[in-house]
PDB file of N, CA and C in Angstrom:
ATOM      1  N   MET A   1      23.201 138.049 -28.889  1.00  0.00           N
ATOM      2  CA  MET A   1      24.107 139.055 -28.362  1.00  0.00           C
ATOM      3  C   MET A   1      23.949 139.099 -26.838  1.00  0.00           C
ATOM      4  N   SER A   2      24.992 138.777 -26.124  1.00  0.00           N
ATOM      5  CA  SER A   2      24.930 138.781 -24.669  1.00  0.00           C
ATOM      6  C   SER A   2      25.434 140.111 -24.125  1.00  0.00           C
ATOM      7  N   ARG A   3      24.824 140.509 -23.024  1.00  0.00           N
ATOM      8  CA  ARG A   3      25.224 141.766 -22.395  1.00  0.00           C
ATOM      9  C   ARG A   3      26.339 141.502 -21.409  1.00  0.00           C
ATOM     10  N   GLN A   4      27.279 142.405 -21.364  1.00  0.00           N
ATOM     11  CA  GLN A   4      28.393 142.308 -20.417  1.00  0.00           C
ATOM     12  C   GLN A   4      27.906 142.701 -19.032  1.00  0.00           C
ATOM     13  N   ARG A   5      28.186 141.884 -18.039  1.00  0.00           N
ATOM     14  CA  ARG A   5      27.849 142.188 -16.641  1.00  0.00           C
ATOM     15  C   ARG A   5      29.105 142.699 -15.949  1.00  0.00           C
ATOM     16  N   TYR A   6      28.969 143.812 -15.278  1.00  0.00           N
ATOM     17  CA  TYR A   6      30.095 144.399 -14.561  1.00  0.00           C
ATOM     18  C   TYR A   6      29.839 144.301 -13.062  1.00  0.00           C
ATOM     19  N   PRO A   7      30.887 144.039 -12.292  1.00  0.00           N
ATOM     20  CA  PRO A   7      30.702 144.008 -10.837  1.00  0.00           C
ATOM     21  C   PRO A   7      30.351 145.396 -10.308  1.00  0.00           C
ATOM     22  N   GLU A   8      29.670 145.413  -9.173  1.00  0.00           N
ATOM     23  CA  GLU A   8      29.232 146.683  -8.584  1.00  0.00           C
ATOM     24  C   GLU A   8      30.420 147.586  -8.266  1.00  0.00           C
ATOM     25  N   GLU A   9      31.528 147.007  -7.802  1.00  0.00           N
ATOM     26  CA  GLU A   9      32.716 147.800  -7.482  1.00  0.00           C
ATOM     27  C   GLU A   9      33.242 148.526  -8.718  1.00  0.00           C
ATOM     28  N   PHE A  10      33.195 147.834  -9.868  1.00  0.00           N
ATOM     29  CA  PHE A  10      33.638 148.444 -11.126  1.00  0.00           C
ATOM     30  C   PHE A  10      32.780 149.656 -11.447  1.00  0.00           C
ATOM     31  N   LYS A  11      31.472 149.500 -11.285  1.00  0.00           N
ATOM     32  CA  LYS A  11      30.549 150.590 -11.583  1.00  0.00           C
ATOM     33  C   LYS A  11      30.793 151.781 -10.660  1.00  0.00           C
ATOM     34  N   ILE A  12      30.981 151.502  -9.374  1.00  0.00           N
ATOM     35  CA  ILE A  12      31.203 152.572  -8.403  1.00  0.00           C
ATOM     36  C   ILE A  12      32.492 153.315  -8.711  1.00  0.00           C
ATOM     37  N   GLU A  13      33.543 152.585  -9.064  1.00  0.00           N
ATOM     38  CA  GLU A  13      34.814 153.235  -9.396  1.00  0.00           C
ATOM     39  C   GLU A  13      34.686 154.072 -10.675  1.00  0.00           C
ATOM     40  N   ALA A  14      33.925 153.603 -11.628  1.00  0.00           N
ATOM     41  CA  ALA A  14      33.698 154.381 -12.850  1.00  0.00           C
ATOM     42  C   ALA A  14      32.969 155.678 -12.523  1.00  0.00           C
ATOM     43  N   VAL A  15      31.971 155.595 -11.667  1.00  0.00           N
ATOM     44  CA  VAL A  15      31.210 156.788 -11.264  1.00  0.00           C
ATOM     45  C   VAL A  15      32.117 157.758 -10.515  1.00  0.00           C
ATOM     46  N   LYS A  16      33.005 157.248  -9.653  1.00  0.00           N
ATOM     47  CA  LYS A  16      33.922 158.118  -8.907  1.00  0.00           C
ATOM     48  C   LYS A  16      34.846 158.885  -9.841  1.00  0.00           C
ATOM     49  N   GLN A  17      35.250 158.267 -10.951  1.00  0.00           N
ATOM     50  CA  GLN A  17      36.115 158.971 -11.888  1.00  0.00           C
ATOM     51  C   GLN A  17      35.427 160.200 -12.457  1.00  0.00           C
ATOM     52  N   VAL A  18      34.121 160.112 -12.628  1.00  0.00           N
ATOM     53  CA  VAL A  18      33.369 161.243 -13.171  1.00  0.00           C
ATOM     54  C   VAL A  18      33.026 162.246 -12.076  1.00  0.00           C
ATOM     55  N   THR A  19      32.490 161.749 -10.947  1.00  0.00           N
ATOM     56  CA  THR A  19      31.959 162.652  -9.930  1.00  0.00           C
ATOM     57  C   THR A  19      33.030 163.241  -9.023  1.00  0.00           C
ATOM     58  N   GLU A  20      34.049 162.461  -8.690  1.00  0.00           N
ATOM     59  CA  GLU A  20      35.057 162.940  -7.733  1.00  0.00           C
ATOM     60  C   GLU A  20      36.338 163.413  -8.407  1.00  0.00           C
ATOM     61  N   LEU A  21      36.767 162.718  -9.445  1.00  0.00           N
ATOM     62  CA  LEU A  21      38.037 163.068 -10.073  1.00  0.00           C
ATOM     63  C   LEU A  21      37.880 164.066 -11.214  1.00  0.00           C
ATOM     64  N   GLY A  22      36.654 164.284 -11.670  1.00  0.00           N
ATOM     65  CA  GLY A  22      36.395 165.331 -12.657  1.00  0.00           C
ATOM     66  C   GLY A  22      36.623 164.945 -14.106  1.00  0.00           C
ATOM     67  N   TYR A  23      36.779 163.667 -14.405  1.00  0.00           N
ATOM     68  CA  TYR A  23      36.925 163.266 -15.797  1.00  0.00           C
ATOM     69  C   TYR A  23      35.574 163.346 -16.488  1.00  0.00           C
ATOM     70  N   GLY A  24      35.604 163.533 -17.794  1.00  0.00           N
ATOM     71  CA  GLY A  24      34.368 163.583 -18.556  1.00  0.00           C
ATOM     72  C   GLY A  24      33.765 162.197 -18.698  1.00  0.00           C
ATOM     73  N   ALA A  25      32.443 162.149 -18.779  1.00  0.00           N
ATOM     74  CA  ALA A  25      31.757 160.859 -18.879  1.00  0.00           C
ATOM     75  C   ALA A  25      32.148 160.139 -20.161  1.00  0.00           C
ATOM     76  N   TYR A  26      32.239 160.863 -21.251  1.00  0.00           N
ATOM     77  CA  TYR A  26      32.616 160.255 -22.527  1.00  0.00           C
ATOM     78  C   TYR A  26      34.021 159.669 -22.447  1.00  0.00           C
ATOM     79  N   GLU A  27      34.928 160.425 -21.859  1.00  0.00           N
ATOM     80  CA  GLU A  27      36.319 159.980 -21.730  1.00  0.00           C
ATOM     81  C   GLU A  27      36.418 158.697 -20.887  1.00  0.00           C
ATOM     82  N   VAL A  28      35.723 158.674 -19.779  1.00  0.00           N
ATOM     83  CA  VAL A  28      35.741 157.499 -18.897  1.00  0.00           C
ATOM     84  C   VAL A  28      35.123 156.301 -19.602  1.00  0.00           C
ATOM     85  N   ALA A  29      34.000 156.527 -20.266  1.00  0.00           N
ATOM     86  CA  ALA A  29      33.326 155.437 -20.977  1.00  0.00           C
ATOM     87  C   ALA A  29      34.231 154.849 -22.066  1.00  0.00           C
ATOM     88  N   GLN A  30      34.897 155.703 -22.814  1.00  0.00           N
ATOM     89  CA  GLN A  30      35.805 155.223 -23.858  1.00  0.00           C
ATOM     90  C   GLN A  30      36.962 154.434 -23.266  1.00  0.00           C
ATOM     91  N   ARG A  31      37.533 154.956 -22.204  1.00  0.00           N
ATOM     92  CA  ARG A  31      38.691 154.310 -21.578  1.00  0.00           C
ATOM     93  C   ARG A  31      38.325 152.939 -21.003  1.00  0.00           C
ATOM     94  N   LEU A  32      37.114 152.827 -20.452  1.00  0.00           N
ATOM     95  CA  LEU A  32      36.698 151.571 -19.830  1.00  0.00           C
ATOM     96  C   LEU A  32      36.003 150.619 -20.800  1.00  0.00           C
ATOM     97  N   GLY A  33      35.707 151.099 -21.982  1.00  0.00           N
ATOM     98  CA  GLY A  33      35.062 150.254 -22.977  1.00  0.00           C
ATOM     99  C   GLY A  33      33.587 150.005 -22.696  1.00  0.00           C
ATOM    100  N   ILE A  34      32.917 151.016 -22.179  1.00  0.00           N
ATOM    101  CA  ILE A  34      31.485 150.913 -21.906  1.00  0.00           C
ATOM    102  C   ILE A  34      30.773 152.021 -22.653  1.00  0.00           C
ATOM    103  N   THR A  35      29.454 151.946 -22.693  1.00  0.00           N
ATOM    104  CA  THR A  35      28.704 153.007 -23.368  1.00  0.00           C
ATOM    105  C   THR A  35      28.472 154.164 -22.393  1.00  0.00           C
ATOM    106  N   THR A  36      28.348 155.343 -22.952  1.00  0.00           N
ATOM    107  CA  THR A  36      28.081 156.506 -22.099  1.00  0.00           C
ATOM    108  C   THR A  36      26.714 156.382 -21.438  1.00  0.00           C
ATOM    109  N   ASN A  37      25.766 155.751 -22.138  1.00  0.00           N
ATOM    110  CA  ASN A  37      24.439 155.551 -21.559  1.00  0.00           C
ATOM    111  C   ASN A  37      24.536 154.699 -20.288  1.00  0.00           C
ATOM    112  N   SER A  38      25.329 153.636 -20.327  1.00  0.00           N
ATOM    113  CA  SER A  38      25.520 152.800 -19.136  1.00  0.00           C
ATOM    114  C   SER A  38      26.127 153.612 -18.010  1.00  0.00           C
ATOM    115  N   LEU A  39      27.136 154.407 -18.350  1.00  0.00           N
ATOM    116  CA  LEU A  39      27.806 155.211 -17.332  1.00  0.00           C
ATOM    117  C   LEU A  39      26.849 156.213 -16.698  1.00  0.00           C
ATOM    118  N   TYR A  40      26.025 156.860 -17.501  1.00  0.00           N
ATOM    119  CA  TYR A  40      25.055 157.806 -16.945  1.00  0.00           C
ATOM    120  C   TYR A  40      24.034 157.094 -16.059  1.00  0.00           C
ATOM    121  N   ASN A  41      23.627 155.891 -16.429  1.00  0.00           N
ATOM    122  CA  ASN A  41      22.719 155.119 -15.571  1.00  0.00           C
ATOM    123  C   ASN A  41      23.394 154.775 -14.250  1.00  0.00           C
ATOM    124  N   TRP A  42      24.664 154.417 -14.307  1.00  0.00           N
ATOM    125  CA  TRP A  42      25.415 154.106 -13.084  1.00  0.00           C
ATOM    126  C   TRP A  42      25.550 155.345 -12.206  1.00  0.00           C
ATOM    127  N   ILE A  43      25.738 156.499 -12.833  1.00  0.00           N
ATOM    128  CA  ILE A  43      25.849 157.746 -12.064  1.00  0.00           C
ATOM    129  C   ILE A  43      24.538 158.009 -11.327  1.00  0.00           C
ATOM    130  N   LYS A  44      23.411 157.766 -11.985  1.00  0.00           N
ATOM    131  CA  LYS A  44      22.122 157.939 -11.320  1.00  0.00           C
ATOM    132  C   LYS A  44      21.983 156.972 -10.149  1.00  0.00           C
ATOM    133  N   ARG A  45      22.498 155.771 -10.344  1.00  0.00           N
ATOM    134  CA  ARG A  45      22.324 154.740  -9.326  1.00  0.00           C
ATOM    135  C   ARG A  45      23.338 154.852  -8.192  1.00  0.00           C
ATOM    136  N   TYR A  46      24.601 155.173  -8.518  1.00  0.00           N
ATOM    137  CA  TYR A  46      25.673 155.163  -7.523  1.00  0.00           C
ATOM    138  C   TYR A  46      26.269 156.538  -7.251  1.00  0.00           C
ATOM    139  N   GLY A  47      25.771 157.567  -7.893  1.00  0.00           N
ATOM    140  CA  GLY A  47      26.333 158.901  -7.744  1.00  0.00           C
ATOM    141  C   GLY A  47      26.058 159.507  -6.379  1.00  0.00           C
ATOM    142  N   PRO A  48      26.602 160.687  -6.133  1.00  0.00           N
ATOM    143  CA  PRO A  48      26.481 161.318  -4.817  1.00  0.00           C
ATOM    144  C   PRO A  48      25.045 161.647  -4.421  1.00  0.00           C
ATOM    145  N   ASP A  49      24.132 161.731  -5.373  1.00  0.00           N
ATOM    146  CA  ASP A  49      22.752 162.066  -5.049  1.00  0.00           C
ATOM    147  C   ASP A  49      21.865 160.830  -4.883  1.00  0.00           C
ATOM    148  N   SER A  50      22.421 159.654  -5.099  1.00  0.00           N
ATOM    149  CA  SER A  50      21.615 158.439  -5.031  1.00  0.00           C
ATOM    150  C   SER A  50      21.404 157.997  -3.586  1.00  0.00           C
ATOM    151  N   SER A  51      20.332 157.300  -3.355  1.00  0.00           N
ATOM    152  CA  SER A  51      20.044 156.810  -2.003  1.00  0.00           C
ATOM    153  C   SER A  51      21.050 155.754  -1.585  1.00  0.00           C
ATOM    154  N   ALA A  52      21.554 154.950  -2.526  1.00  0.00           N
ATOM    155  CA  ALA A  52      22.560 153.933  -2.201  1.00  0.00           C
ATOM    156  C   ALA A  52      23.842 154.602  -1.710  1.00  0.00           C
ATOM    157  N   HIS A  53      24.229 155.689  -2.359  1.00  0.00           N
ATOM    158  CA  HIS A  53      25.432 156.412  -1.953  1.00  0.00           C
ATOM    159  C   HIS A  53      25.231 157.028  -0.576  1.00  0.00           C
ATOM    160  N   GLN A  54      24.081 157.603  -0.361  1.00  0.00           N
ATOM    161  CA  GLN A  54      23.806 158.233   0.933  1.00  0.00           C
ATOM    162  C   GLN A  54      23.778 157.193   2.052  1.00  0.00           C
ATOM    163  N   LYS A  55      23.243 156.013   1.771  1.00  0.00           N
ATOM    164  CA  LYS A  55      23.226 154.947   2.769  1.00  0.00           C
ATOM    165  C   LYS A  55      24.649 154.487   3.076  1.00  0.00           C
ATOM    166  N   ALA A  56      25.457 154.309   2.035  1.00  0.00           N
ATOM    167  CA  ALA A  56      26.843 153.893   2.234  1.00  0.00           C
ATOM    168  C   ALA A  56      27.619 154.950   3.017  1.00  0.00           C
ATOM    169  N   GLN A  57      27.370 156.219   2.733  1.00  0.00           N
ATOM    170  CA  GLN A  57      28.042 157.305   3.445  1.00  0.00           C
ATOM    171  C   GLN A  57      27.618 157.321   4.909  1.00  0.00           C
ATOM    172  N   ALA A  58      26.338 157.097   5.166  1.00  0.00           N
ATOM    173  CA  ALA A  58      25.850 157.054   6.548  1.00  0.00           C
ATOM    174  C   ALA A  58      26.492 155.899   7.308  1.00  0.00           C
ATOM    175  N   GLU A  59      26.638 154.760   6.648  1.00  0.00           N
ATOM    176  CA  GLU A  59      27.288 153.609   7.282  1.00  0.00           C
ATOM    177  C   GLU A  59      28.753 153.895   7.564  1.00  0.00           C
ATOM    178  N   ALA A  60      29.428 154.546   6.628  1.00  0.00           N
ATOM    179  CA  ALA A  60      30.840 154.884   6.821  1.00  0.00           C
ATOM    180  C   ALA A  60      31.000 155.866   7.982  1.00  0.00           C
ATOM    181  N   ASP A  61      30.099 156.834   8.074  1.00  0.00           N
ATOM    182  CA  ASP A  61      30.148 157.793   9.184  1.00  0.00           C
ATOM    183  C   ASP A  61      29.926 157.088  10.517  1.00  0.00           C
ATOM    184  N   GLU A  62      28.989 156.143  10.534  1.00  0.00           N
ATOM    185  CA  GLU A  62      28.709 155.392  11.757  1.00  0.00           C
ATOM    186  C   GLU A  62      29.926 154.555  12.168  1.00  0.00           C
ATOM    187  N   ILE A  63      30.594 153.965  11.205  1.00  0.00           N
ATOM    188  CA  ILE A  63      31.797 153.173  11.500  1.00  0.00           C
ATOM    189  C   ILE A  63      32.889 154.062  12.087  1.00  0.00           C
ATOM    190  N   LYS A  64      33.085 155.242  11.512  1.00  0.00           N
ATOM    191  CA  LYS A  64      34.078 156.172  12.044  1.00  0.00           C
ATOM    192  C   LYS A  64      33.744 156.570  13.482  1.00  0.00           C
ATOM    193  N   ARG A  65      32.461 156.853  13.731  1.00  0.00           N
ATOM    194  CA  ARG A  65      32.032 157.240  15.072  1.00  0.00           C
ATOM    195  C   ARG A  65      32.272 156.105  16.059  1.00  0.00           C
ATOM    196  N   LEU A  66      31.934 154.897  15.656  1.00  0.00           N
ATOM    197  CA  LEU A  66      32.114 153.749  16.540  1.00  0.00           C
ATOM    198  C   LEU A  66      33.592 153.465  16.811  1.00  0.00           C
ATOM    199  N   LYS A  67      34.445 153.672  15.815  1.00  0.00           N
ATOM    200  CA  LYS A  67      35.881 153.481  16.026  1.00  0.00           C
ATOM    201  C   LYS A  67      36.429 154.499  17.020  1.00  0.00           C
ATOM    202  N   ARG A  68      35.977 155.752  16.922  1.00  0.00           N
ATOM    203  CA  ARG A  68      36.401 156.769  17.883  1.00  0.00           C
ATOM    204  C   ARG A  68      35.944 156.402  19.285  1.00  0.00           C
ATOM    205  N   GLU A  69      34.706 155.967  19.391  1.00  0.00           N
ATOM    206  CA  GLU A  69      34.167 155.592  20.700  1.00  0.00           C
ATOM    207  C   GLU A  69      34.910 154.384  21.268  1.00  0.00           C
ATOM    208  N   LEU A  70      35.209 153.403  20.423  1.00  0.00           N
ATOM    209  CA  LEU A  70      35.955 152.236  20.875  1.00  0.00           C
ATOM    210  C   LEU A  70      37.337 152.629  21.384  1.00  0.00           C
ATOM    211  N   LYS A  71      37.994 153.540  20.695  1.00  0.00           N
ATOM    212  CA  LYS A  71      39.316 154.001  21.124  1.00  0.00           C
ATOM    213  C   LYS A  71      39.222 154.677  22.495  1.00  0.00           C
ATOM    214  N   ARG A  72      38.219 155.521  22.669  1.00  0.00           N
ATOM    215  CA  ARG A  72      38.044 156.220  23.946  1.00  0.00           C
ATOM    216  C   ARG A  72      37.769 155.238  25.077  1.00  0.00           C
ATOM    217  N   VAL A  73      36.888 154.302  24.840  1.00  0.00           N
ATOM    218  CA  VAL A  73      36.533 153.329  25.875  1.00  0.00           C
ATOM    219  C   VAL A  73      37.725 152.428  26.197  1.00  0.00           C
ATOM    220  N   THR A  74      38.493 152.059  25.207  1.00  0.00           N
ATOM    221  CA  THR A  74      39.687 151.233  25.432  1.00  0.00           C
ATOM    222  C   THR A  74      40.698 151.985  26.283  1.00  0.00           C
ATOM    223  N   GLU A  75      40.901 153.273  26.001  1.00  0.00           N
ATOM    224  CA  GLU A  75      41.820 154.078  26.805  1.00  0.00           C
ATOM    225  C   GLU A  75      41.331 154.191  28.247  1.00  0.00           C
ATOM    226  N   GLU A  76      40.023 154.374  28.423  1.00  0.00           N
ATOM    227  CA  GLU A  76      39.464 154.445  29.779  1.00  0.00           C
ATOM    228  C   GLU A  76      39.673 153.130  30.519  1.00  0.00           C
ATOM    229  N   ARG A  77      39.436 152.016  29.837  1.00  0.00           N
ATOM    230  CA  ARG A  77      39.617 150.706  30.449  1.00  0.00           C
ATOM    231  C   ARG A  77      41.065 150.497  30.870  1.00  0.00           C
ATOM    232  N   ASP A  78      42.003 150.856  29.982  1.00  0.00           N
ATOM    233  CA  ASP A  78      43.421 150.694  30.300  1.00  0.00           C
ATOM    234  C   ASP A  78      43.817 151.554  31.501  1.00  0.00           C
ATOM    235  N   LEU A  79      43.294 152.764  31.567  1.00  0.00           N
ATOM    236  CA  LEU A  79      43.575 153.642  32.696  1.00  0.00           C
ATOM    237  C   LEU A  79      43.044 153.045  33.995  1.00  0.00           C
ATOM    238  N   LEU A  80      41.837 152.505  33.946  1.00  0.00           N
ATOM    239  CA  LEU A  80      41.266 151.886  35.141  1.00  0.00           C
ATOM    240  C   LEU A  80      42.058 150.645  35.568  1.00  0.00           C
ATOM    241  N   LYS A  81      42.549 149.876  34.600  1.00  0.00           N
ATOM    242  CA  LYS A  81      43.385 148.720  34.931  1.00  0.00           C
ATOM    243  C   LYS A  81      44.651 149.155  35.661  1.00  0.00           C
ATOM    244  N   LYS A  82      45.289 150.217  35.147  1.00  0.00           N
ATOM    245  CA  LYS A  82      46.515 150.722  35.781  1.00  0.00           C
ATOM    246  C   LYS A  82      46.223 151.238  37.185  1.00  0.00           C
ATOM    247  N   ALA A  83      45.113 151.930  37.349  1.00  0.00           N
ATOM    248  CA  ALA A  83      44.744 152.459  38.671  1.00  0.00           C
ATOM    249  C   ALA A  83      44.460 151.319  39.639  1.00  0.00           C
ATOM    250  N   ALA A  84      43.772 150.298  39.191  1.00  0.00           N
ATOM    251  CA  ALA A  84      43.470 149.158  40.055  1.00  0.00           C
ATOM    252  C   ALA A  84      44.753 148.434  40.447  1.00  0.00           C
ATOM    253  N   ALA A  85      45.679 148.289  39.514  1.00  0.00           N
ATOM    254  CA  ALA A  85      46.954 147.631  39.815  1.00  0.00           C
ATOM    255  C   ALA A  85      47.768 148.471  40.801  1.00  0.00           C
ATOM    256  N   TYR A  86      47.731 149.785  40.646  1.00  0.00           N
ATOM    257  CA  TYR A  86      48.471 150.666  41.547  1.00  0.00           C
ATOM    258  C   TYR A  86      47.932 150.556  42.970  1.00  0.00           C
ATOM    259  N   PHE A  87      46.602 150.653  43.117  1.00  0.00           N
ATOM    260  CA  PHE A  87      46.017 150.605  44.459  1.00  0.00           C
ATOM    261  C   PHE A  87      46.129 149.210  45.083  1.00  0.00           C
ATOM    262  N   ALA A  88      46.165 148.164  44.254  1.00  0.00           N
ATOM    263  CA  ALA A  88      46.339 146.817  44.780  1.00  0.00           C
ATOM    264  C   ALA A  88      47.754 146.604  45.309  1.00  0.00           C
ATOM    265  N   SER A  89      48.731 147.272  44.705  1.00  0.00           N
ATOM    266  CA  SER A  89      50.123 147.098  45.127  1.00  0.00           C
ATOM    267  C   SER A  89      50.523 148.074  46.239  1.00  0.00           C
ATOM    268  N   HIS A  90      49.719 149.082  46.518  1.00  0.00           N
ATOM    269  CA  HIS A  90      50.012 150.080  47.563  1.00  0.00           C
ATOM    270  C   HIS A  90      48.879 150.135  48.581  1.00  0.00           C
ATOM    271  N   PRO A  91      48.711 149.105  49.399  1.00  0.00           N
ATOM    272  CA  PRO A  91      47.636 149.183  50.394  1.00  0.00           C
ATOM    273  C   PRO A  91      48.004 150.099  51.536  1.00  0.00           C
ATOM    274  N   GLU A  92      47.026 150.678  52.159  1.00  0.00           N
ATOM    275  CA  GLU A  92      47.299 151.589  53.262  1.00  0.00           C
ATOM    276  C   GLU A  92      47.495 150.881  54.535  1.00  0.00           C
TER     277      GLU A  92
END
């Protein structure tokens, strides 16, 4: 008897159905064709209280922060380019 291997993304999406969307664990397990025991193990591993989830959330927050900073720096650079072009074309 071989065990079915599920991709990590599948497991995370199954956990989200229970933790974020509010479906019952039994209902999700039946719909996906997995055992409730597997689903509960996945919830422990990938749920909102797990260290893997917290690490992923921290990385996502860092990416958002870096994108905001990149946008700000890009706007500053563009402004400086325009100012340099203006002063280069209008010498005293």
